[in-house]
Each structure stands twice: as structure tokens, then as C-alpha cells.
Amino acid sequence: MAIITNNPTAYDAASWIIALWEPLQHWRHDLCEEGDEEDDKDWDEVCTVMAWLTSELGYEYNSNGDLCLIPEEPDDEPDPKVEEKIRTLVRRVLNEGSN
């Protein structure tokens, strides 16, 4: 029986995450007793670590349970070229208004 079925590949972090989850879920369902306090604690720790790894690799699960890249947040720093263009435009508008 194949446990890893997704064919993980280099440079595809999502495939690595899935390749890790498959044997972990196999372990959970086939080798651990649900309701056993120790097993449940171990599973909770595994899930926490997998969440950290997933996030560190730049992924998250969406509301459908699909693995997706986390959108990059835009820079808070304004582009200096854009700022200069705005200043130039404001000066021009102010100069035209004073004539």
C-alpha cells in the first residue's frame, strides 16, 4: 500500500507539505487510538508543527481545505518615484491655481 501518493517534486513546497501529511494521517488513523490522551496530545503537537511548517513555507489552507500560497503583503514604504511624481503634480496644480 502506497502511503505517499502525490509525487512530491523539487521546488514545489505544496507537494512536500502534502507528502508529509499523508503518512502522518496514516499514522493517526491506523496506529493511534482516538480518545487516548497521550496519542491525542501527540497528534495535537504534530498538527501544530505542521501548521508552523506550512506557514513558514508561505502556504495556508483556504476555507475549502485547499493548500494555497499566502498572498504577499504590499510594502508599506511608498515608491520614491511615485512620491516625486505626486509632488511634481501638486506643485503644478498649485502653480496653475495661483496664476
N, C-alpha and C. Protein backbone atom coordinates (compact mmCIF):
# COMPACT_ATOMS: atom_id res chain seq x y z
N MET A 1 0.84 -1.19 0.00
CA MET A 1 0.00 0.00 0.00
C MET A 1 0.89 1.25 0.00
N ALA A 2 0.67 2.11 -0.96
CA ALA A 2 1.42 3.37 -1.02
C ALA A 2 0.80 4.37 -0.05
N ILE A 3 1.64 4.97 0.75
CA ILE A 3 1.15 5.98 1.69
C ILE A 3 1.26 7.36 1.06
N ILE A 4 2.38 7.64 0.41
CA ILE A 4 2.57 8.94 -0.25
C ILE A 4 2.15 8.78 -1.71
N THR A 5 1.11 9.49 -2.08
CA THR A 5 0.53 9.30 -3.41
C THR A 5 0.61 10.53 -4.31
N ASN A 6 1.17 11.63 -3.80
CA ASN A 6 1.11 12.87 -4.57
C ASN A 6 2.36 13.17 -5.41
N ASN A 7 3.39 12.33 -5.37
CA ASN A 7 4.63 12.54 -6.12
C ASN A 7 5.26 13.91 -5.84
N PRO A 8 5.80 14.11 -4.64
CA PRO A 8 6.44 15.39 -4.32
C PRO A 8 7.61 15.67 -5.27
N THR A 9 7.78 16.94 -5.59
CA THR A 9 8.84 17.33 -6.52
C THR A 9 9.64 18.49 -5.95
N ALA A 10 10.88 18.62 -6.46
CA ALA A 10 11.73 19.74 -6.04
C ALA A 10 11.07 21.06 -6.41
N TYR A 11 11.28 22.06 -5.59
CA TYR A 11 10.79 23.42 -5.82
C TYR A 11 9.27 23.52 -5.77
N ASP A 12 8.59 22.52 -5.23
CA ASP A 12 7.13 22.56 -5.10
C ASP A 12 6.79 22.29 -3.64
N ALA A 13 6.88 23.35 -2.83
CA ALA A 13 6.69 23.20 -1.38
C ALA A 13 5.32 22.63 -1.03
N ALA A 14 4.30 22.94 -1.81
CA ALA A 14 2.97 22.38 -1.53
C ALA A 14 3.01 20.86 -1.60
N SER A 15 3.75 20.31 -2.56
CA SER A 15 3.83 18.85 -2.68
C SER A 15 4.57 18.25 -1.48
N TRP A 16 5.50 18.98 -0.90
CA TRP A 16 6.22 18.48 0.27
C TRP A 16 5.28 18.41 1.48
N ILE A 17 4.46 19.46 1.63
CA ILE A 17 3.52 19.51 2.76
C ILE A 17 2.55 18.35 2.67
N ILE A 18 2.01 18.13 1.47
CA ILE A 18 1.06 17.03 1.27
C ILE A 18 1.75 15.70 1.51
N ALA A 19 3.00 15.56 1.04
CA ALA A 19 3.75 14.32 1.23
C ALA A 19 4.01 14.04 2.71
N LEU A 20 4.12 15.07 3.52
CA LEU A 20 4.28 14.87 4.96
C LEU A 20 2.96 14.51 5.63
N TRP A 21 1.88 15.17 5.19
CA TRP A 21 0.58 14.92 5.82
C TRP A 21 0.09 13.50 5.58
N GLU A 22 0.34 12.94 4.40
CA GLU A 22 -0.20 11.62 4.08
C GLU A 22 0.26 10.54 5.06
N PRO A 23 1.57 10.38 5.32
CA PRO A 23 1.96 9.35 6.31
C PRO A 23 1.56 9.73 7.73
N LEU A 24 1.52 11.03 8.03
CA LEU A 24 1.09 11.43 9.37
C LEU A 24 -0.36 11.05 9.61
N GLN A 25 -1.20 11.28 8.60
CA GLN A 25 -2.61 10.90 8.74
C GLN A 25 -2.76 9.38 8.80
N HIS A 26 -1.94 8.67 8.05
CA HIS A 26 -1.93 7.21 8.12
C HIS A 26 -1.59 6.77 9.55
N TRP A 27 -0.55 7.36 10.11
CA TRP A 27 -0.15 7.07 11.49
C TRP A 27 -1.31 7.34 12.44
N ARG A 28 -1.95 8.49 12.28
CA ARG A 28 -3.04 8.87 13.19
C ARG A 28 -4.20 7.90 13.11
N HIS A 29 -4.61 7.56 11.89
CA HIS A 29 -5.81 6.74 11.74
C HIS A 29 -5.58 5.25 11.97
N ASP A 30 -4.38 4.77 11.65
CA ASP A 30 -4.13 3.33 11.74
C ASP A 30 -3.35 2.88 12.96
N LEU A 31 -2.59 3.78 13.56
CA LEU A 31 -1.71 3.36 14.64
C LEU A 31 -2.00 4.01 15.99
N CYS A 32 -2.79 5.05 16.00
CA CYS A 32 -3.10 5.75 17.25
C CYS A 32 -4.55 5.49 17.64
N GLU A 33 -4.76 5.46 18.94
CA GLU A 33 -6.11 5.30 19.45
C GLU A 33 -6.74 6.67 19.65
N GLU A 34 -7.84 6.92 18.94
CA GLU A 34 -8.54 8.19 19.18
C GLU A 34 -9.13 8.13 20.58
N GLY A 35 -9.02 9.24 21.27
CA GLY A 35 -9.51 9.30 22.63
C GLY A 35 -8.45 8.97 23.66
N ASP A 36 -7.34 8.39 23.20
CA ASP A 36 -6.21 8.14 24.11
C ASP A 36 -5.53 9.47 24.36
N GLU A 37 -5.46 9.86 25.62
CA GLU A 37 -4.95 11.19 25.97
C GLU A 37 -3.55 11.44 25.43
N GLU A 38 -2.67 10.46 25.56
CA GLU A 38 -1.28 10.60 25.10
C GLU A 38 -1.23 10.74 23.57
N ASP A 39 -1.96 9.86 22.87
CA ASP A 39 -1.99 9.93 21.40
C ASP A 39 -2.59 11.24 20.91
N ASP A 40 -3.66 11.68 21.58
CA ASP A 40 -4.29 12.94 21.18
C ASP A 40 -3.34 14.12 21.39
N LYS A 41 -2.58 14.08 22.50
CA LYS A 41 -1.60 15.14 22.76
C LYS A 41 -0.51 15.13 21.69
N ASP A 42 -0.02 13.95 21.34
CA ASP A 42 1.00 13.84 20.28
C ASP A 42 0.46 14.36 18.96
N TRP A 43 -0.78 14.00 18.62
CA TRP A 43 -1.37 14.43 17.35
C TRP A 43 -1.52 15.96 17.33
N ASP A 44 -1.92 16.53 18.46
CA ASP A 44 -2.05 17.98 18.54
C ASP A 44 -0.70 18.66 18.30
N GLU A 45 0.36 18.11 18.86
CA GLU A 45 1.70 18.67 18.65
C GLU A 45 2.13 18.53 17.19
N VAL A 46 1.84 17.39 16.57
CA VAL A 46 2.16 17.19 15.16
C VAL A 46 1.43 18.23 14.30
N CYS A 47 0.15 18.43 14.59
CA CYS A 47 -0.63 19.41 13.82
C CYS A 47 -0.10 20.83 14.00
N THR A 48 0.33 21.16 15.20
CA THR A 48 0.90 22.48 15.46
C THR A 48 2.18 22.68 14.66
N VAL A 49 3.06 21.68 14.71
CA VAL A 49 4.32 21.78 13.96
C VAL A 49 4.06 21.86 12.45
N MET A 50 3.12 21.09 11.96
CA MET A 50 2.80 21.14 10.53
C MET A 50 2.23 22.51 10.15
N ALA A 51 1.45 23.11 11.04
CA ALA A 51 0.94 24.46 10.77
C ALA A 51 2.08 25.46 10.69
N TRP A 52 3.05 25.33 11.60
CA TRP A 52 4.22 26.22 11.56
C TRP A 52 5.00 26.04 10.27
N LEU A 53 5.25 24.78 9.88
CA LEU A 53 5.99 24.50 8.64
C LEU A 53 5.24 25.05 7.42
N THR A 54 3.95 24.82 7.40
CA THR A 54 3.14 25.28 6.27
C THR A 54 3.23 26.80 6.16
N SER A 55 3.09 27.48 7.26
CA SER A 55 3.17 28.94 7.27
C SER A 55 4.56 29.43 6.89
N GLU A 56 5.59 28.80 7.43
CA GLU A 56 6.97 29.20 7.14
C GLU A 56 7.29 29.04 5.66
N LEU A 57 6.70 28.06 5.01
CA LEU A 57 6.91 27.85 3.58
C LEU A 57 6.03 28.77 2.72
N GLY A 58 5.20 29.59 3.39
CA GLY A 58 4.39 30.56 2.67
C GLY A 58 3.05 30.04 2.20
N TYR A 59 2.54 29.01 2.84
CA TYR A 59 1.26 28.43 2.44
C TYR A 59 0.26 28.50 3.58
N GLU A 60 -1.01 28.34 3.21
CA GLU A 60 -2.09 28.24 4.17
C GLU A 60 -3.21 27.42 3.53
N TYR A 61 -4.11 26.93 4.35
CA TYR A 61 -5.28 26.23 3.83
C TYR A 61 -6.43 27.21 3.75
N ASN A 62 -7.12 27.24 2.60
CA ASN A 62 -8.26 28.15 2.47
C ASN A 62 -9.50 27.50 3.07
N SER A 63 -10.64 28.17 2.97
CA SER A 63 -11.87 27.69 3.60
C SER A 63 -12.37 26.38 2.97
N ASN A 64 -11.89 26.05 1.77
CA ASN A 64 -12.27 24.79 1.12
C ASN A 64 -11.32 23.65 1.49
N GLY A 65 -10.28 23.96 2.27
CA GLY A 65 -9.31 22.95 2.64
C GLY A 65 -8.21 22.77 1.62
N ASP A 66 -8.13 23.68 0.63
CA ASP A 66 -7.09 23.60 -0.39
C ASP A 66 -5.85 24.34 0.08
N LEU A 67 -4.69 23.81 -0.25
CA LEU A 67 -3.42 24.43 0.10
C LEU A 67 -3.12 25.54 -0.90
N CYS A 68 -2.91 26.76 -0.41
CA CYS A 68 -2.71 27.92 -1.27
C CYS A 68 -1.53 28.75 -0.78
N LEU A 69 -0.86 29.41 -1.71
CA LEU A 69 0.18 30.36 -1.32
C LEU A 69 -0.44 31.52 -0.57
N ILE A 70 0.23 31.99 0.46
CA ILE A 70 -0.23 33.16 1.18
C ILE A 70 0.13 34.38 0.33
N PRO A 71 -0.86 35.22 0.03
CA PRO A 71 -0.54 36.42 -0.77
C PRO A 71 0.45 37.30 -0.03
N GLU A 72 1.43 37.80 -0.76
CA GLU A 72 2.41 38.69 -0.14
C GLU A 72 1.76 40.03 0.17
N GLU A 73 2.10 40.55 1.33
CA GLU A 73 1.57 41.86 1.71
C GLU A 73 2.36 42.94 0.99
N PRO A 74 1.65 43.96 0.54
CA PRO A 74 2.37 45.04 -0.15
C PRO A 74 3.30 45.77 0.80
N ASP A 75 4.35 46.33 0.23
CA ASP A 75 5.27 47.13 1.04
C ASP A 75 4.54 48.33 1.61
N ASP A 76 4.85 48.64 2.85
CA ASP A 76 4.27 49.83 3.46
C ASP A 76 5.00 51.09 3.01
N GLU A 77 6.21 50.90 2.51
CA GLU A 77 7.01 52.04 2.06
C GLU A 77 6.56 52.48 0.67
N PRO A 78 6.24 53.76 0.53
CA PRO A 78 5.84 54.25 -0.79
C PRO A 78 7.02 54.27 -1.76
N ASP A 79 6.72 54.12 -3.01
CA ASP A 79 7.74 54.16 -4.05
C ASP A 79 8.23 55.60 -4.19
N PRO A 80 9.53 55.87 -4.04
CA PRO A 80 10.04 57.24 -4.12
C PRO A 80 9.74 57.90 -5.46
N LYS A 81 9.74 57.14 -6.54
CA LYS A 81 9.44 57.72 -7.86
C LYS A 81 8.00 58.19 -7.92
N VAL A 82 7.11 57.41 -7.34
CA VAL A 82 5.70 57.80 -7.32
C VAL A 82 5.52 59.03 -6.44
N GLU A 83 6.19 59.05 -5.31
CA GLU A 83 6.10 60.23 -4.43
C GLU A 83 6.56 61.49 -5.16
N GLU A 84 7.65 61.38 -5.89
CA GLU A 84 8.17 62.55 -6.63
C GLU A 84 7.18 62.99 -7.70
N LYS A 85 6.57 62.06 -8.39
CA LYS A 85 5.57 62.41 -9.41
C LYS A 85 4.38 63.12 -8.78
N ILE A 86 3.97 62.65 -7.60
CA ILE A 86 2.85 63.30 -6.90
C ILE A 86 3.24 64.72 -6.49
N ARG A 87 4.44 64.89 -5.94
CA ARG A 87 4.90 66.23 -5.55
C ARG A 87 4.92 67.17 -6.76
N THR A 88 5.43 66.68 -7.88
CA THR A 88 5.50 67.48 -9.11
C THR A 88 4.10 67.88 -9.56
N LEU A 89 3.19 66.93 -9.52
CA LEU A 89 1.81 67.21 -9.93
C LEU A 89 1.16 68.22 -8.99
N VAL A 90 1.37 68.07 -7.68
CA VAL A 90 0.79 69.00 -6.71
C VAL A 90 1.36 70.40 -6.93
N ARG A 91 2.69 70.51 -7.16
CA ARG A 91 3.28 71.83 -7.43
C ARG A 91 2.67 72.46 -8.66
N ARG A 92 2.52 71.66 -9.72
CA ARG A 92 1.95 72.17 -10.95
C ARG A 92 0.53 72.67 -10.74
N VAL A 93 -0.27 71.91 -10.01
CA VAL A 93 -1.66 72.29 -9.74
C VAL A 93 -1.68 73.57 -8.91
N LEU A 94 -0.83 73.65 -7.89
CA LEU A 94 -0.78 74.84 -7.05
C LEU A 94 -0.31 76.07 -7.83
N ASN A 95 0.68 75.86 -8.70
CA ASN A 95 1.17 76.96 -9.51
C ASN A 95 0.12 77.45 -10.50
N GLU A 96 -0.62 76.53 -11.10
CA GLU A 96 -1.68 76.92 -12.04
C GLU A 96 -2.79 77.65 -11.32
N GLY A 97 -3.08 77.25 -10.09
CA GLY A 97 -4.14 77.90 -9.31
C GLY A 97 -3.76 79.29 -8.87
N SER A 98 -2.46 79.59 -8.75
CA SER A 98 -2.04 80.91 -8.29
C SER A 98 -1.95 81.89 -9.43
N ASN A 99 -2.07 81.42 -10.68
CA ASN A 99 -1.99 82.33 -11.84
C ASN A 99 -3.32 82.91 -12.19
